């Protein structure tokens, strides 16, 4: 899998509301009503990660979840990263 070039990434970002590129990674910060909702969301995201065999860098503090997605093997953002972010957005719909 190859890294998406900058112009293609900008085009694909239009379909990823809530996501930005920070430090060469797809980045999103989310807040939930409480820890239980945040953890439940993380559990659903973990299932997506396992299905795609693509695992995010992420953190949780009480009701907040921070997600960074990058392909370490490819050295940047790939189509699989964009697919992952899109699937995360669908979990929030």
C-alpha atoms as a PDB file:
ATOM      1  CA  UNK A   1       0.000   0.000   0.000  1.00  0.00           C
ATOM      2  CA  UNK A   2       1.380   3.404  -0.939  1.00  0.00           C
ATOM      3  CA  UNK A   3       1.110   6.803   0.697  1.00  0.00           C
ATOM      4  CA  UNK A   4      -1.553   9.127  -0.749  1.00  0.00           C
ATOM      5  CA  UNK A   5      -0.063  12.235  -2.351  1.00  0.00           C
ATOM      6  CA  UNK A   6      -0.996  15.620  -0.876  1.00  0.00           C
ATOM      7  CA  UNK A   7      -3.503  16.688  -3.539  1.00  0.00           C
ATOM      8  CA  UNK A   8      -5.353  13.347  -3.409  1.00  0.00           C
ATOM      9  CA  UNK A   9      -5.354  13.453   0.395  1.00  0.00           C
ATOM     10  CA  UNK A  10      -6.922  16.931   0.363  1.00  0.00           C
ATOM     11  CA  UNK A  11      -9.603  15.655  -2.011  1.00  0.00           C
ATOM     12  CA  UNK A  12     -10.349  12.633   0.173  1.00  0.00           C
ATOM     13  CA  UNK A  13     -10.428  14.754   3.351  1.00  0.00           C
ATOM     14  CA  UNK A  14     -13.572  16.453   2.044  1.00  0.00           C
ATOM     15  CA  UNK A  15     -15.419  13.188   2.693  1.00  0.00           C
ATOM     16  CA  UNK A  16     -14.069  12.925   6.269  1.00  0.00           C
ATOM     17  CA  UNK A  17     -15.855  15.534   8.384  1.00  0.00           C
ATOM     18  CA  UNK A  18     -14.271  16.002  11.800  1.00  0.00           C
ATOM     19  CA  UNK A  19     -10.845  14.764  10.713  1.00  0.00           C
ATOM     20  CA  UNK A  20      -7.701  16.842  10.184  1.00  0.00           C
ATOM     21  CA  UNK A  21      -4.123  16.009   9.326  1.00  0.00           C
ATOM     22  CA  UNK A  22      -1.775  16.584  12.265  1.00  0.00           C
ATOM     23  CA  UNK A  23       1.841  15.498  12.176  1.00  0.00           C
ATOM     24  CA  UNK A  24       1.282  13.423   9.043  1.00  0.00           C
ATOM     25  CA  UNK A  25      -1.581  11.448  10.591  1.00  0.00           C
ATOM     26  CA  UNK A  26      -5.357  11.545  10.288  1.00  0.00           C
ATOM     27  CA  UNK A  27      -6.464  13.069  13.600  1.00  0.00           C
ATOM     28  CA  UNK A  28      -9.779  13.342  15.418  1.00  0.00           C
ATOM     29  CA  UNK A  29     -10.732  14.339  18.944  1.00  0.00           C
ATOM     30  CA  UNK A  30     -14.105  13.310  20.342  1.00  0.00           C
ATOM     31  CA  UNK A  31     -16.016  14.003  23.550  1.00  0.00           C
ATOM     32  CA  UNK A  32     -18.775  11.816  24.942  1.00  0.00           C
ATOM     33  CA  UNK A  33     -21.235  12.210  27.800  1.00  0.00           C
ATOM     34  CA  UNK A  34     -19.136  10.071  30.148  1.00  0.00           C
ATOM     35  CA  UNK A  35     -16.418   7.437  30.399  1.00  0.00           C
ATOM     36  CA  UNK A  36     -18.784   4.561  29.667  1.00  0.00           C
ATOM     37  CA  UNK A  37     -19.855   6.058  26.324  1.00  0.00           C
ATOM     38  CA  UNK A  38     -16.240   6.841  25.395  1.00  0.00           C
ATOM     39  CA  UNK A  39     -15.112   3.316  26.249  1.00  0.00           C
ATOM     40  CA  UNK A  40     -18.037   1.757  24.384  1.00  0.00           C
ATOM     41  CA  UNK A  41     -17.096   3.769  21.303  1.00  0.00           C
ATOM     42  CA  UNK A  42     -13.481   2.633  21.617  1.00  0.00           C
ATOM     43  CA  UNK A  43     -14.650  -0.973  21.762  1.00  0.00           C
ATOM     44  CA  UNK A  44     -16.556  -0.531  18.490  1.00  0.00           C
ATOM     45  CA  UNK A  45     -13.513   1.128  16.889  1.00  0.00           C
ATOM     46  CA  UNK A  46     -11.335  -1.755  18.087  1.00  0.00           C
ATOM     47  CA  UNK A  47     -13.557  -4.162  16.162  1.00  0.00           C
ATOM     48  CA  UNK A  48     -13.049  -2.070  12.993  1.00  0.00           C
ATOM     49  CA  UNK A  49      -9.295  -2.058  13.617  1.00  0.00           C
ATOM     50  CA  UNK A  50      -9.201  -5.827  13.906  1.00  0.00           C
ATOM     51  CA  UNK A  51     -11.296  -6.296  10.775  1.00  0.00           C
ATOM     52  CA  UNK A  52      -9.010  -4.013   8.749  1.00  0.00           C
ATOM     53  CA  UNK A  53      -5.848  -5.222  10.506  1.00  0.00           C
ATOM     54  CA  UNK A  54      -4.988  -1.533  10.859  1.00  0.00           C
ATOM     55  CA  UNK A  55      -4.624  -0.199  14.378  1.00  0.00           C
ATOM     56  CA  UNK A  56      -4.784   3.450  15.436  1.00  0.00           C
ATOM     57  CA  UNK A  57      -2.643   5.376  17.857  1.00  0.00           C
ATOM     58  CA  UNK A  58      -5.218   6.565  20.354  1.00  0.00           C
ATOM     59  CA  UNK A  59      -5.885   7.640  23.896  1.00  0.00           C
ATOM     60  CA  UNK A  60      -8.768   8.032  26.313  1.00  0.00           C
ATOM     61  CA  UNK A  61      -9.183  10.334  29.286  1.00  0.00           C
ATOM     62  CA  UNK A  62     -12.561  10.077  31.000  1.00  0.00           C
ATOM     63  CA  UNK A  63     -15.020  11.179  28.271  1.00  0.00           C
ATOM     64  CA  UNK A  64     -12.458  12.129  25.617  1.00  0.00           C
ATOM     65  CA  UNK A  65     -11.026   9.939  22.857  1.00  0.00           C
ATOM     66  CA  UNK A  66      -8.167  11.044  20.594  1.00  0.00           C
ATOM     67  CA  UNK A  67      -7.485   8.992  17.448  1.00  0.00           C
ATOM     68  CA  UNK A  68      -4.489   9.200  15.105  1.00  0.00           C
ATOM     69  CA  UNK A  69      -4.357   6.977  12.031  1.00  0.00           C
ATOM     70  CA  UNK A  70      -1.264   6.407   9.903  1.00  0.00           C
ATOM     71  CA  UNK A  71       0.291   3.468   8.130  1.00  0.00           C
ATOM     72  CA  UNK A  72       3.622   3.006   9.873  1.00  0.00           C
ATOM     73  CA  UNK A  73       4.663   0.401   7.290  1.00  0.00           C
ATOM     74  CA  UNK A  74       4.028   2.742   4.340  1.00  0.00           C
ATOM     75  CA  UNK A  75       5.326   5.808   6.157  1.00  0.00           C
ATOM     76  CA  UNK A  76       2.210   7.984   5.874  1.00  0.00           C
ATOM     77  CA  UNK A  77      -1.506   8.134   5.186  1.00  0.00           C
ATOM     78  CA  UNK A  78      -2.827   5.459   2.817  1.00  0.00           C
ATOM     79  CA  UNK A  79      -6.228   4.557   1.379  1.00  0.00           C
ATOM     80  CA  UNK A  80      -6.629   2.093   4.245  1.00  0.00           C
ATOM     81  CA  UNK A  81      -6.216   4.970   6.726  1.00  0.00           C
ATOM     82  CA  UNK A  82      -8.941   6.926   4.933  1.00  0.00           C
ATOM     83  CA  UNK A  83     -11.192   3.854   4.931  1.00  0.00           C
ATOM     84  CA  UNK A  84     -10.600   3.439   8.669  1.00  0.00           C
ATOM     85  CA  UNK A  85     -11.499   7.088   9.367  1.00  0.00           C
ATOM     86  CA  UNK A  86     -14.625   6.756   7.227  1.00  0.00           C
ATOM     87  CA  UNK A  87     -15.716   3.685   9.186  1.00  0.00           C
ATOM     88  CA  UNK A  88     -15.150   5.535  12.466  1.00  0.00           C
ATOM     89  CA  UNK A  89     -17.409   8.326  11.218  1.00  0.00           C
ATOM     90  CA  UNK A  90     -20.112   5.763  10.387  1.00  0.00           C
ATOM     91  CA  UNK A  91     -19.973   4.524  13.995  1.00  0.00           C
ATOM     92  CA  UNK A  92     -20.809   8.067  15.092  1.00  0.00           C
ATOM     93  CA  UNK A  93     -23.798   8.464  12.751  1.00  0.00           C
END
